[in-house]
Amino acid sequence: MSRILVIESSARQQGSVSRELTQQFIAQWQQAHPADQVQLRDLALEPVPHLDADLLGGWLKPAEQQSPAEQAALQRSNRLTEELLAADVLVLAAPMYNFAIPSTLKAWLDHVLRAGLTFKYTETGPQGLLTGKRAFVLTARGGIYAGSTLDHQEPYLRQALGFIGIHQVQFVHAEGLNLGAEALEQGLARAREQLARVA
């Protein structure tokens, strides 16, 4: 049995293509792997605060010197990190906002990229500690950006996930969604076809 952690980051609950792709992924995965456990974290319904002084204090100060706000920030970061550590498969659903990922997803990453827990510093540089995990990234994009210099989603997420040791990452892009009805249908069809082969 594997544990699947799904992170939703679309600001929209209705009419969201990335959420539609997530539902298809979960349904297909559960059909193929009925014993697996799926945990869903929705960053729109439960936003994670951006990195701030309280979180830094929680990470860096001894427990006896932490304020109540710093303790709460540390506990939240610990909870999110424990979810990631427990997962065998990570699924990130990420619409493209202004050429990049939603800020809510960046905030989540800021909470779980943790020295000593998800990566460590060595004499030869940082080393990821989450080896053996797989990740799938489901994106929704108004234009066509894959492989272009305007795509700041895939390179960044590959870098961030690779930094913590997750190198087996598969992207499914639904692109051209704002380029007219025909492009929308083609983009969705290609993404659905890719997803059908994933599980």
N, C-alpha and C. Protein backbone atom coordinates (compact mmCIF):
# COMPACT_ATOMS: atom_id res chain seq x y z
N MET A 1 0.84 -1.20 0.00
CA MET A 1 0.00 0.00 0.00
C MET A 1 0.88 1.25 0.00
N SER A 2 0.53 2.20 -0.86
CA SER A 2 1.25 3.47 -0.94
C SER A 2 0.38 4.61 -0.44
N ARG A 3 1.03 5.67 -0.05
CA ARG A 3 0.33 6.89 0.37
C ARG A 3 0.52 7.95 -0.71
N ILE A 4 -0.58 8.55 -1.13
CA ILE A 4 -0.57 9.57 -2.17
C ILE A 4 -0.94 10.90 -1.52
N LEU A 5 -0.07 11.89 -1.63
CA LEU A 5 -0.36 13.23 -1.12
C LEU A 5 -0.65 14.14 -2.30
N VAL A 6 -1.86 14.71 -2.32
CA VAL A 6 -2.29 15.59 -3.41
C VAL A 6 -2.38 17.01 -2.88
N ILE A 7 -1.70 17.93 -3.54
CA ILE A 7 -1.71 19.34 -3.15
C ILE A 7 -2.44 20.14 -4.23
N GLU A 8 -3.59 20.67 -3.89
CA GLU A 8 -4.35 21.55 -4.79
C GLU A 8 -3.94 23.00 -4.53
N SER A 9 -3.75 23.78 -5.61
CA SER A 9 -3.36 25.17 -5.39
C SER A 9 -4.17 26.17 -6.21
N SER A 10 -5.17 25.71 -6.97
CA SER A 10 -5.99 26.65 -7.74
C SER A 10 -6.81 27.52 -6.79
N ALA A 11 -6.90 28.80 -7.09
CA ALA A 11 -7.72 29.70 -6.29
C ALA A 11 -9.21 29.45 -6.51
N ARG A 12 -9.54 28.78 -7.62
CA ARG A 12 -10.95 28.53 -7.96
C ARG A 12 -11.37 27.14 -7.50
N GLN A 13 -12.57 27.07 -6.93
CA GLN A 13 -13.15 25.77 -6.60
C GLN A 13 -13.99 25.25 -7.77
N GLN A 14 -14.61 26.14 -8.51
CA GLN A 14 -15.45 25.77 -9.65
C GLN A 14 -14.77 26.20 -10.95
N GLY A 15 -14.89 25.39 -11.98
CA GLY A 15 -14.34 25.74 -13.28
C GLY A 15 -12.84 25.69 -13.37
N SER A 16 -12.20 24.96 -12.47
CA SER A 16 -10.74 24.86 -12.45
C SER A 16 -10.29 23.63 -13.22
N VAL A 17 -9.49 23.84 -14.24
CA VAL A 17 -8.99 22.71 -15.03
C VAL A 17 -8.01 21.87 -14.22
N SER A 18 -7.16 22.50 -13.41
CA SER A 18 -6.20 21.72 -12.62
C SER A 18 -6.93 20.83 -11.62
N ARG A 19 -8.04 21.32 -11.07
CA ARG A 19 -8.83 20.48 -10.16
C ARG A 19 -9.51 19.34 -10.92
N GLU A 20 -9.94 19.60 -12.13
CA GLU A 20 -10.52 18.55 -12.96
C GLU A 20 -9.49 17.46 -13.24
N LEU A 21 -8.26 17.88 -13.55
CA LEU A 21 -7.20 16.91 -13.79
C LEU A 21 -6.89 16.12 -12.53
N THR A 22 -6.92 16.79 -11.39
CA THR A 22 -6.68 16.10 -10.11
C THR A 22 -7.71 15.02 -9.88
N GLN A 23 -8.99 15.34 -10.11
CA GLN A 23 -10.04 14.36 -9.89
C GLN A 23 -9.87 13.16 -10.81
N GLN A 24 -9.49 13.41 -12.06
CA GLN A 24 -9.26 12.31 -12.99
C GLN A 24 -8.08 11.46 -12.50
N PHE A 25 -7.01 12.11 -12.06
CA PHE A 25 -5.85 11.37 -11.58
C PHE A 25 -6.23 10.48 -10.40
N ILE A 26 -6.94 11.06 -9.41
CA ILE A 26 -7.30 10.30 -8.22
C ILE A 26 -8.19 9.12 -8.58
N ALA A 27 -9.18 9.35 -9.44
CA ALA A 27 -10.09 8.27 -9.82
C ALA A 27 -9.34 7.14 -10.51
N GLN A 28 -8.45 7.49 -11.43
CA GLN A 28 -7.69 6.47 -12.15
C GLN A 28 -6.72 5.75 -11.23
N TRP A 29 -6.08 6.50 -10.35
CA TRP A 29 -5.12 5.88 -9.45
C TRP A 29 -5.82 4.90 -8.51
N GLN A 30 -6.96 5.32 -7.96
CA GLN A 30 -7.67 4.45 -7.03
C GLN A 30 -8.21 3.20 -7.72
N GLN A 31 -8.56 3.33 -8.98
CA GLN A 31 -9.02 2.17 -9.72
C GLN A 31 -7.88 1.18 -9.94
N ALA A 32 -6.69 1.72 -10.22
CA ALA A 32 -5.54 0.87 -10.47
C ALA A 32 -4.88 0.38 -9.17
N HIS A 33 -5.01 1.17 -8.10
CA HIS A 33 -4.36 0.84 -6.82
C HIS A 33 -5.38 1.02 -5.69
N PRO A 34 -6.39 0.17 -5.60
CA PRO A 34 -7.47 0.38 -4.63
C PRO A 34 -7.05 0.38 -3.17
N ALA A 35 -5.90 -0.21 -2.85
CA ALA A 35 -5.47 -0.27 -1.45
C ALA A 35 -4.72 0.99 -1.02
N ASP A 36 -4.34 1.84 -1.97
CA ASP A 36 -3.57 3.03 -1.64
C ASP A 36 -4.43 4.07 -0.91
N GLN A 37 -3.77 4.85 -0.08
CA GLN A 37 -4.45 5.93 0.66
C GLN A 37 -4.14 7.27 -0.01
N VAL A 38 -5.18 8.05 -0.23
CA VAL A 38 -5.03 9.37 -0.86
C VAL A 38 -5.35 10.45 0.16
N GLN A 39 -4.42 11.35 0.39
CA GLN A 39 -4.65 12.50 1.26
C GLN A 39 -4.65 13.76 0.41
N LEU A 40 -5.65 14.59 0.58
CA LEU A 40 -5.79 15.82 -0.20
C LEU A 40 -5.59 17.03 0.70
N ARG A 41 -4.70 17.93 0.29
CA ARG A 41 -4.55 19.21 0.98
C ARG A 41 -4.86 20.31 -0.01
N ASP A 42 -5.86 21.13 0.32
CA ASP A 42 -6.33 22.20 -0.56
C ASP A 42 -5.81 23.53 -0.03
N LEU A 43 -4.86 24.11 -0.73
CA LEU A 43 -4.24 25.35 -0.27
C LEU A 43 -5.12 26.58 -0.48
N ALA A 44 -6.22 26.41 -1.22
CA ALA A 44 -7.18 27.52 -1.35
C ALA A 44 -8.13 27.53 -0.15
N LEU A 45 -8.54 26.36 0.29
CA LEU A 45 -9.44 26.28 1.44
C LEU A 45 -8.70 26.45 2.76
N GLU A 46 -7.46 25.97 2.80
CA GLU A 46 -6.62 26.11 4.00
C GLU A 46 -5.28 26.70 3.60
N PRO A 47 -5.24 28.01 3.38
CA PRO A 47 -3.98 28.62 2.92
C PRO A 47 -2.86 28.46 3.94
N VAL A 48 -1.67 28.27 3.42
CA VAL A 48 -0.47 28.22 4.25
C VAL A 48 0.15 29.61 4.25
N PRO A 49 0.41 30.20 5.41
CA PRO A 49 1.00 31.55 5.42
C PRO A 49 2.35 31.57 4.71
N HIS A 50 2.66 32.71 4.14
CA HIS A 50 3.96 32.86 3.50
C HIS A 50 5.06 32.87 4.56
N LEU A 51 6.26 32.56 4.12
CA LEU A 51 7.41 32.54 5.02
C LEU A 51 7.54 33.90 5.71
N ASP A 52 7.61 33.88 7.04
CA ASP A 52 7.69 35.13 7.79
C ASP A 52 8.61 34.96 8.99
N ALA A 53 8.69 36.00 9.80
CA ALA A 53 9.60 36.00 10.95
C ALA A 53 9.20 34.94 11.98
N ASP A 54 7.91 34.68 12.11
CA ASP A 54 7.47 33.67 13.08
C ASP A 54 7.97 32.28 12.68
N LEU A 55 7.86 31.95 11.40
CA LEU A 55 8.34 30.64 10.96
C LEU A 55 9.86 30.54 11.10
N LEU A 56 10.57 31.60 10.73
CA LEU A 56 12.03 31.58 10.90
C LEU A 56 12.41 31.42 12.36
N GLY A 57 11.68 32.10 13.24
CA GLY A 57 11.94 31.98 14.67
C GLY A 57 11.68 30.57 15.17
N GLY A 58 10.61 29.96 14.66
CA GLY A 58 10.29 28.59 15.05
C GLY A 58 11.36 27.61 14.62
N TRP A 59 11.94 27.85 13.45
CA TRP A 59 13.00 26.98 12.95
C TRP A 59 14.32 27.19 13.70
N LEU A 60 14.65 28.44 13.99
CA LEU A 60 16.01 28.79 14.39
C LEU A 60 16.20 28.95 15.90
N LYS A 61 15.15 29.29 16.63
CA LYS A 61 15.31 29.55 18.06
C LYS A 61 15.14 28.28 18.88
N PRO A 62 15.84 28.18 20.01
CA PRO A 62 15.56 27.08 20.93
C PRO A 62 14.11 27.15 21.41
N ALA A 63 13.52 26.00 21.73
CA ALA A 63 12.10 25.94 22.08
C ALA A 63 11.74 26.90 23.21
N GLU A 64 12.63 27.01 24.20
CA GLU A 64 12.31 27.85 25.37
C GLU A 64 12.32 29.33 25.05
N GLN A 65 12.88 29.69 23.89
CA GLN A 65 12.94 31.10 23.50
C GLN A 65 11.87 31.48 22.48
N GLN A 66 11.08 30.53 22.06
CA GLN A 66 10.08 30.79 21.02
C GLN A 66 8.82 31.44 21.61
N SER A 67 8.30 32.40 20.86
CA SER A 67 7.02 33.00 21.23
C SER A 67 5.90 32.05 20.86
N PRO A 68 4.68 32.26 21.39
CA PRO A 68 3.55 31.41 21.00
C PRO A 68 3.33 31.39 19.49
N ALA A 69 3.50 32.54 18.82
CA ALA A 69 3.33 32.59 17.36
C ALA A 69 4.40 31.77 16.66
N GLU A 70 5.62 31.81 17.15
CA GLU A 70 6.70 31.03 16.55
C GLU A 70 6.47 29.53 16.76
N GLN A 71 5.99 29.16 17.93
CA GLN A 71 5.68 27.76 18.21
C GLN A 71 4.58 27.25 17.28
N ALA A 72 3.56 28.08 17.08
CA ALA A 72 2.45 27.69 16.20
C ALA A 72 2.94 27.54 14.76
N ALA A 73 3.80 28.46 14.32
CA ALA A 73 4.34 28.38 12.96
C ALA A 73 5.18 27.13 12.78
N LEU A 74 5.98 26.78 13.78
CA LEU A 74 6.80 25.57 13.71
C LEU A 74 5.92 24.32 13.66
N GLN A 75 4.88 24.29 14.48
CA GLN A 75 3.99 23.13 14.48
C GLN A 75 3.32 22.94 13.13
N ARG A 76 2.93 24.06 12.50
CA ARG A 76 2.31 23.98 11.17
C ARG A 76 3.31 23.44 10.15
N SER A 77 4.53 23.95 10.18
CA SER A 77 5.55 23.47 9.26
C SER A 77 5.85 21.99 9.50
N ASN A 78 5.90 21.59 10.77
CA ASN A 78 6.14 20.18 11.09
C ASN A 78 5.03 19.29 10.53
N ARG A 79 3.80 19.74 10.68
CA ARG A 79 2.65 18.95 10.21
C ARG A 79 2.71 18.77 8.69
N LEU A 80 2.98 19.84 7.98
CA LEU A 80 3.07 19.77 6.52
C LEU A 80 4.24 18.90 6.07
N THR A 81 5.36 19.03 6.76
CA THR A 81 6.54 18.23 6.41
C THR A 81 6.29 16.76 6.70
N GLU A 82 5.64 16.45 7.80
CA GLU A 82 5.33 15.06 8.14
C GLU A 82 4.42 14.42 7.09
N GLU A 83 3.47 15.20 6.56
CA GLU A 83 2.62 14.69 5.49
C GLU A 83 3.44 14.30 4.27
N LEU A 84 4.39 15.16 3.92
CA LEU A 84 5.24 14.89 2.77
C LEU A 84 6.15 13.69 3.02
N LEU A 85 6.74 13.63 4.20
CA LEU A 85 7.62 12.52 4.53
C LEU A 85 6.88 11.19 4.47
N ALA A 86 5.61 11.18 4.87
CA ALA A 86 4.83 9.95 4.91
C ALA A 86 4.37 9.50 3.53
N ALA A 87 4.40 10.39 2.55
CA ALA A 87 3.87 10.08 1.22
C ALA A 87 4.89 9.32 0.39
N ASP A 88 4.38 8.39 -0.41
CA ASP A 88 5.20 7.70 -1.41
C ASP A 88 5.12 8.40 -2.76
N VAL A 89 3.96 9.01 -3.02
CA VAL A 89 3.72 9.70 -4.29
C VAL A 89 3.18 11.09 -3.98
N LEU A 90 3.75 12.10 -4.61
CA LEU A 90 3.30 13.48 -4.45
C LEU A 90 2.65 13.94 -5.74
N VAL A 91 1.48 14.55 -5.62
CA VAL A 91 0.78 15.11 -6.79
C VAL A 91 0.58 16.60 -6.53
N LEU A 92 1.12 17.43 -7.41
CA LEU A 92 0.95 18.88 -7.32
C LEU A 92 0.06 19.34 -8.46
N ALA A 93 -1.07 19.96 -8.12
CA ALA A 93 -1.95 20.53 -9.14
C ALA A 93 -1.73 22.04 -9.15
N ALA A 94 -1.24 22.55 -10.28
CA ALA A 94 -0.77 23.93 -10.30
C ALA A 94 -1.22 24.66 -11.56
N PRO A 95 -2.21 25.54 -11.45
CA PRO A 95 -2.48 26.42 -12.58
C PRO A 95 -1.33 27.40 -12.75
N MET A 96 -1.15 27.88 -13.96
CA MET A 96 -0.11 28.88 -14.19
C MET A 96 -0.68 30.27 -13.93
N TYR A 97 -0.10 30.96 -12.97
CA TYR A 97 -0.46 32.34 -12.67
C TYR A 97 0.76 33.22 -13.00
N ASN A 98 0.61 34.09 -13.98
CA ASN A 98 1.69 35.01 -14.33
C ASN A 98 3.01 34.27 -14.57
N PHE A 99 2.93 33.23 -15.39
CA PHE A 99 4.08 32.45 -15.86
C PHE A 99 4.69 31.52 -14.81
N ALA A 100 4.10 31.45 -13.62
CA ALA A 100 4.71 30.66 -12.55
C ALA A 100 3.63 29.93 -11.75
N ILE A 101 4.02 29.40 -10.61
CA ILE A 101 3.08 28.67 -9.76
C ILE A 101 2.32 29.64 -8.87
N PRO A 102 1.16 29.23 -8.34
CA PRO A 102 0.45 30.09 -7.39
C PRO A 102 1.31 30.34 -6.15
N SER A 103 1.15 31.51 -5.56
CA SER A 103 1.94 31.85 -4.37
C SER A 103 1.62 30.91 -3.22
N THR A 104 0.41 30.35 -3.19
CA THR A 104 0.06 29.41 -2.12
C THR A 104 0.92 28.15 -2.21
N LEU A 105 1.21 27.70 -3.43
CA LEU A 105 2.06 26.53 -3.59
C LEU A 105 3.50 26.85 -3.22
N LYS A 106 3.96 28.04 -3.56
CA LYS A 106 5.30 28.47 -3.14
C LYS A 106 5.39 28.49 -1.62
N ALA A 107 4.33 28.98 -0.96
CA ALA A 107 4.33 29.02 0.51
C ALA A 107 4.42 27.62 1.09
N TRP A 108 3.69 26.67 0.48
CA TRP A 108 3.76 25.28 0.95
C TRP A 108 5.18 24.75 0.81
N LEU A 109 5.81 25.00 -0.33
CA LEU A 109 7.19 24.56 -0.54
C LEU A 109 8.13 25.18 0.50
N ASP A 110 7.90 26.45 0.82
CA ASP A 110 8.74 27.11 1.81
C ASP A 110 8.63 26.45 3.18
N HIS A 111 7.49 25.82 3.46
CA HIS A 111 7.30 25.14 4.74
C HIS A 111 7.93 23.76 4.78
N VAL A 112 8.10 23.12 3.63
CA VAL A 112 8.54 21.72 3.63
C VAL A 112 9.96 21.52 3.12
N LEU A 113 10.57 22.52 2.55
CA LEU A 113 11.99 22.42 2.20
C LEU A 113 12.78 22.75 3.46
N ARG A 114 13.05 21.71 4.24
CA ARG A 114 13.57 21.88 5.60
C ARG A 114 14.93 21.21 5.77
N ALA A 115 15.92 22.01 6.10
CA ALA A 115 17.26 21.46 6.37
C ALA A 115 17.18 20.48 7.52
N GLY A 116 17.77 19.31 7.32
CA GLY A 116 17.76 18.27 8.34
C GLY A 116 16.58 17.34 8.26
N LEU A 117 15.55 17.71 7.50
CA LEU A 117 14.36 16.87 7.38
C LEU A 117 14.12 16.41 5.95
N THR A 118 14.11 17.35 5.03
CA THR A 118 13.89 16.97 3.63
C THR A 118 15.16 17.15 2.77
N PHE A 119 16.15 17.83 3.31
CA PHE A 119 17.47 17.89 2.69
C PHE A 119 18.49 18.14 3.78
N LYS A 120 19.75 17.91 3.46
CA LYS A 120 20.81 18.21 4.41
C LYS A 120 21.98 18.82 3.67
N TYR A 121 22.78 19.57 4.41
CA TYR A 121 24.01 20.15 3.86
C TYR A 121 25.16 19.17 4.08
N THR A 122 25.96 18.98 3.04
CA THR A 122 27.13 18.13 3.13
C THR A 122 28.34 18.90 2.64
N GLU A 123 29.50 18.26 2.74
CA GLU A 123 30.73 18.92 2.29
C GLU A 123 30.72 19.17 0.78
N THR A 124 29.92 18.39 0.06
CA THR A 124 29.85 18.56 -1.40
C THR A 124 28.59 19.33 -1.83
N GLY A 125 27.85 19.89 -0.86
CA GLY A 125 26.66 20.65 -1.19
C GLY A 125 25.40 20.01 -0.63
N PRO A 126 24.23 20.63 -0.88
CA PRO A 126 22.98 20.09 -0.35
C PRO A 126 22.67 18.71 -0.94
N GLN A 127 22.03 17.88 -0.13
CA GLN A 127 21.63 16.54 -0.56
C GLN A 127 20.18 16.29 -0.17
N GLY A 128 19.34 15.93 -1.15
CA GLY A 128 17.94 15.64 -0.86
C GLY A 128 17.79 14.35 -0.08
N LEU A 129 16.81 14.34 0.82
CA LEU A 129 16.60 13.18 1.69
C LEU A 129 15.35 12.38 1.33
N LEU A 130 14.60 12.82 0.31
CA LEU A 130 13.34 12.14 -0.02
C LEU A 130 13.50 11.24 -1.24
N THR A 131 14.62 10.57 -1.34
CA THR A 131 14.85 9.67 -2.46
C THR A 131 13.85 8.53 -2.42
N GLY A 132 13.48 8.04 -3.60
CA GLY A 132 12.55 6.92 -3.68
C GLY A 132 11.10 7.35 -3.86
N LYS A 133 10.82 8.63 -3.72
CA LYS A 133 9.46 9.12 -3.94
C LYS A 133 9.27 9.51 -5.41
N ARG A 134 8.01 9.48 -5.86
CA ARG A 134 7.66 9.93 -7.20
C ARG A 134 6.77 11.15 -7.09
N ALA A 135 6.76 11.96 -8.14
CA ALA A 135 5.88 13.14 -8.16
C ALA A 135 5.24 13.29 -9.53
N PHE A 136 4.01 13.75 -9.52
CA PHE A 136 3.29 14.12 -10.73
C PHE A 136 2.85 15.57 -10.57
N VAL A 137 3.04 16.35 -11.62
CA VAL A 137 2.63 17.76 -11.59
C VAL A 137 1.62 17.98 -12.70
N LEU A 138 0.42 18.42 -12.32
CA LEU A 138 -0.67 18.64 -13.26
C LEU A 138 -0.87 20.14 -13.40
N THR A 139 -0.60 20.68 -14.58
CA THR A 139 -0.70 22.12 -14.76
C THR A 139 -1.83 22.50 -15.71
N ALA A 140 -2.32 23.70 -15.56
CA ALA A 140 -3.32 24.27 -16.46
C ALA A 140 -2.82 25.64 -16.88
N ARG A 141 -2.77 25.88 -18.20
CA ARG A 141 -2.15 27.09 -18.72
C ARG A 141 -3.01 27.71 -19.82
N GLY A 142 -3.17 29.01 -19.75
CA GLY A 142 -3.97 29.69 -20.76
C GLY A 142 -3.33 29.69 -22.14
N GLY A 143 -2.01 29.79 -22.18
CA GLY A 143 -1.27 29.79 -23.44
C GLY A 143 -0.48 28.50 -23.59
N ILE A 144 0.49 28.53 -24.52
CA ILE A 144 1.34 27.36 -24.77
C ILE A 144 2.76 27.75 -24.37
N TYR A 145 3.24 27.13 -23.31
CA TYR A 145 4.51 27.55 -22.71
C TYR A 145 5.53 26.43 -22.58
N ALA A 146 5.14 25.18 -22.72
CA ALA A 146 6.07 24.07 -22.48
C ALA A 146 7.31 24.20 -23.35
N GLY A 147 8.47 24.16 -22.70
CA GLY A 147 9.73 24.24 -23.42
C GLY A 147 10.17 25.64 -23.79
N SER A 148 9.37 26.65 -23.42
CA SER A 148 9.74 28.03 -23.77
C SER A 148 10.38 28.73 -22.58
N THR A 149 11.01 29.87 -22.84
CA THR A 149 11.64 30.63 -21.75
C THR A 149 10.62 31.30 -20.84
N LEU A 150 9.35 31.30 -21.24
CA LEU A 150 8.30 31.88 -20.41
C LEU A 150 7.74 30.90 -19.39
N ASP A 151 8.17 29.65 -19.47
CA ASP A 151 7.69 28.63 -18.54
C ASP A 151 8.56 28.64 -17.29
N HIS A 152 8.05 29.24 -16.22
CA HIS A 152 8.77 29.27 -14.96
C HIS A 152 8.17 28.30 -13.96
N GLN A 153 7.23 27.48 -14.41
CA GLN A 153 6.65 26.45 -13.55
C GLN A 153 7.52 25.20 -13.52
N GLU A 154 7.65 24.57 -14.69
CA GLU A 154 8.32 23.27 -14.72
C GLU A 154 9.78 23.36 -14.28
N PRO A 155 10.58 24.30 -14.77
CA PRO A 155 11.98 24.34 -14.30
C PRO A 155 12.08 24.56 -12.79
N TYR A 156 11.25 25.46 -12.26
CA TYR A 156 11.31 25.73 -10.82
C TYR A 156 10.91 24.51 -10.00
N LEU A 157 9.81 23.87 -10.38
CA LEU A 157 9.35 22.72 -9.61
C LEU A 157 10.32 21.55 -9.73
N ARG A 158 10.90 21.35 -10.89
CA ARG A 158 11.91 20.29 -11.02
C ARG A 158 13.10 20.58 -10.09
N GLN A 159 13.50 21.85 -10.04
CA GLN A 159 14.61 22.24 -9.17
C GLN A 159 14.25 22.03 -7.70
N ALA A 160 13.08 22.51 -7.29
CA ALA A 160 12.67 22.42 -5.89
C ALA A 160 12.51 20.96 -5.46
N LEU A 161 11.85 20.16 -6.29
CA LEU A 161 11.65 18.76 -5.93
C LEU A 161 12.97 17.99 -5.97
N GLY A 162 13.80 18.27 -6.96
CA GLY A 162 15.10 17.62 -7.03
C GLY A 162 15.97 17.97 -5.84
N PHE A 163 15.83 19.19 -5.33
CA PHE A 163 16.62 19.65 -4.19
C PHE A 163 16.36 18.78 -2.96
N ILE A 164 15.13 18.27 -2.82
CA ILE A 164 14.81 17.42 -1.67
C ILE A 164 14.86 15.93 -2.03
N GLY A 165 15.36 15.63 -3.22
CA GLY A 165 15.61 14.24 -3.57
C GLY A 165 14.56 13.58 -4.43
N ILE A 166 13.55 14.33 -4.87
CA ILE A 166 12.52 13.76 -5.74
C ILE A 166 12.88 14.08 -7.18
N HIS A 167 13.44 13.10 -7.86
CA HIS A 167 13.91 13.31 -9.23
C HIS A 167 13.00 12.64 -10.26
N GLN A 168 12.16 11.72 -9.82
CA GLN A 168 11.23 11.05 -10.73
C GLN A 168 9.95 11.89 -10.77
N VAL A 169 9.92 12.85 -11.66
CA VAL A 169 8.82 13.81 -11.74
C VAL A 169 8.23 13.79 -13.14
N GLN A 170 6.93 13.62 -13.23
CA GLN A 170 6.25 13.62 -14.53
C GLN A 170 5.26 14.78 -14.58
N PHE A 171 5.36 15.58 -15.64
CA PHE A 171 4.48 16.72 -15.83
C PHE A 171 3.38 16.37 -16.83
N VAL A 172 2.18 16.82 -16.53
CA VAL A 172 1.05 16.75 -17.46
C VAL A 172 0.54 18.17 -17.63
N HIS A 173 0.73 18.75 -18.82
CA HIS A 173 0.34 20.13 -19.07
C HIS A 173 -0.96 20.18 -19.88
N ALA A 174 -1.95 20.89 -19.38
CA ALA A 174 -3.12 21.25 -20.17
C ALA A 174 -2.89 22.68 -20.64
N GLU A 175 -2.58 22.86 -21.93
CA GLU A 175 -2.17 24.17 -22.43
C GLU A 175 -3.14 24.71 -23.48
N GLY A 176 -3.02 26.03 -23.72
CA GLY A 176 -3.83 26.68 -24.74
C GLY A 176 -5.28 26.86 -24.33
N LEU A 177 -5.55 26.89 -23.04
CA LEU A 177 -6.93 26.89 -22.55
C LEU A 177 -7.65 28.20 -22.81
N ASN A 178 -6.92 29.27 -23.05
CA ASN A 178 -7.53 30.58 -23.31
C ASN A 178 -7.37 31.01 -24.76
N LEU A 179 -7.07 30.06 -25.65
CA LEU A 179 -6.81 30.40 -27.05
C LEU A 179 -7.97 30.02 -27.96
N GLY A 180 -9.17 29.95 -27.41
CA GLY A 180 -10.34 29.61 -28.21
C GLY A 180 -10.83 28.20 -27.92
N ALA A 181 -12.07 27.94 -28.35
CA ALA A 181 -12.73 26.68 -28.03
C ALA A 181 -11.98 25.47 -28.56
N GLU A 182 -11.47 25.57 -29.78
CA GLU A 182 -10.77 24.43 -30.37
C GLU A 182 -9.47 24.13 -29.62
N ALA A 183 -8.70 25.16 -29.31
CA ALA A 183 -7.45 24.97 -28.57
C ALA A 183 -7.73 24.43 -27.17
N LEU A 184 -8.80 24.91 -26.57
CA LEU A 184 -9.19 24.43 -25.24
C LEU A 184 -9.45 22.93 -25.27
N GLU A 185 -10.24 22.49 -26.23
CA GLU A 185 -10.57 21.07 -26.32
C GLU A 185 -9.33 20.23 -26.63
N GLN A 186 -8.47 20.74 -27.50
CA GLN A 186 -7.26 20.01 -27.83
C GLN A 186 -6.33 19.91 -26.62
N GLY A 187 -6.20 21.01 -25.90
CA GLY A 187 -5.34 21.00 -24.72
C GLY A 187 -5.84 20.05 -23.65
N LEU A 188 -7.15 20.06 -23.41
CA LEU A 188 -7.74 19.14 -22.43
C LEU A 188 -7.60 17.70 -22.88
N ALA A 189 -7.84 17.45 -24.16
CA ALA A 189 -7.77 16.08 -24.68
C ALA A 189 -6.37 15.52 -24.52
N ARG A 190 -5.35 16.32 -24.83
CA ARG A 190 -3.97 15.85 -24.69
C ARG A 190 -3.63 15.54 -23.24
N ALA A 191 -4.07 16.43 -22.34
CA ALA A 191 -3.78 16.22 -20.91
C ALA A 191 -4.49 14.98 -20.40
N ARG A 192 -5.76 14.80 -20.79
CA ARG A 192 -6.51 13.62 -20.33
C ARG A 192 -5.88 12.33 -20.86
N GLU A 193 -5.40 12.41 -22.10
CA GLU A 193 -4.77 11.23 -22.70
C GLU A 193 -3.48 10.88 -21.95
N GLN A 194 -2.70 11.89 -21.59
CA GLN A 194 -1.49 11.64 -20.80
C GLN A 194 -1.84 11.05 -19.45
N LEU A 195 -2.85 11.61 -18.80
CA LEU A 195 -3.25 11.14 -17.48
C LEU A 195 -3.71 9.69 -17.51
N ALA A 196 -4.36 9.31 -18.58
CA ALA A 196 -4.87 7.94 -18.70
C ALA A 196 -3.74 6.93 -18.67
N ARG A 197 -2.52 7.36 -19.03
CA ARG A 197 -1.38 6.44 -19.05
C ARG A 197 -0.58 6.48 -17.74
N VAL A 198 -0.88 7.45 -16.89
CA VAL A 198 -0.07 7.66 -15.69
C VAL A 198 -0.31 6.57 -14.65
N ALA A 199 -1.55 6.34 -14.30
CA ALA A 199 -1.86 5.45 -13.18
C ALA A 199 -1.46 4.02 -13.49
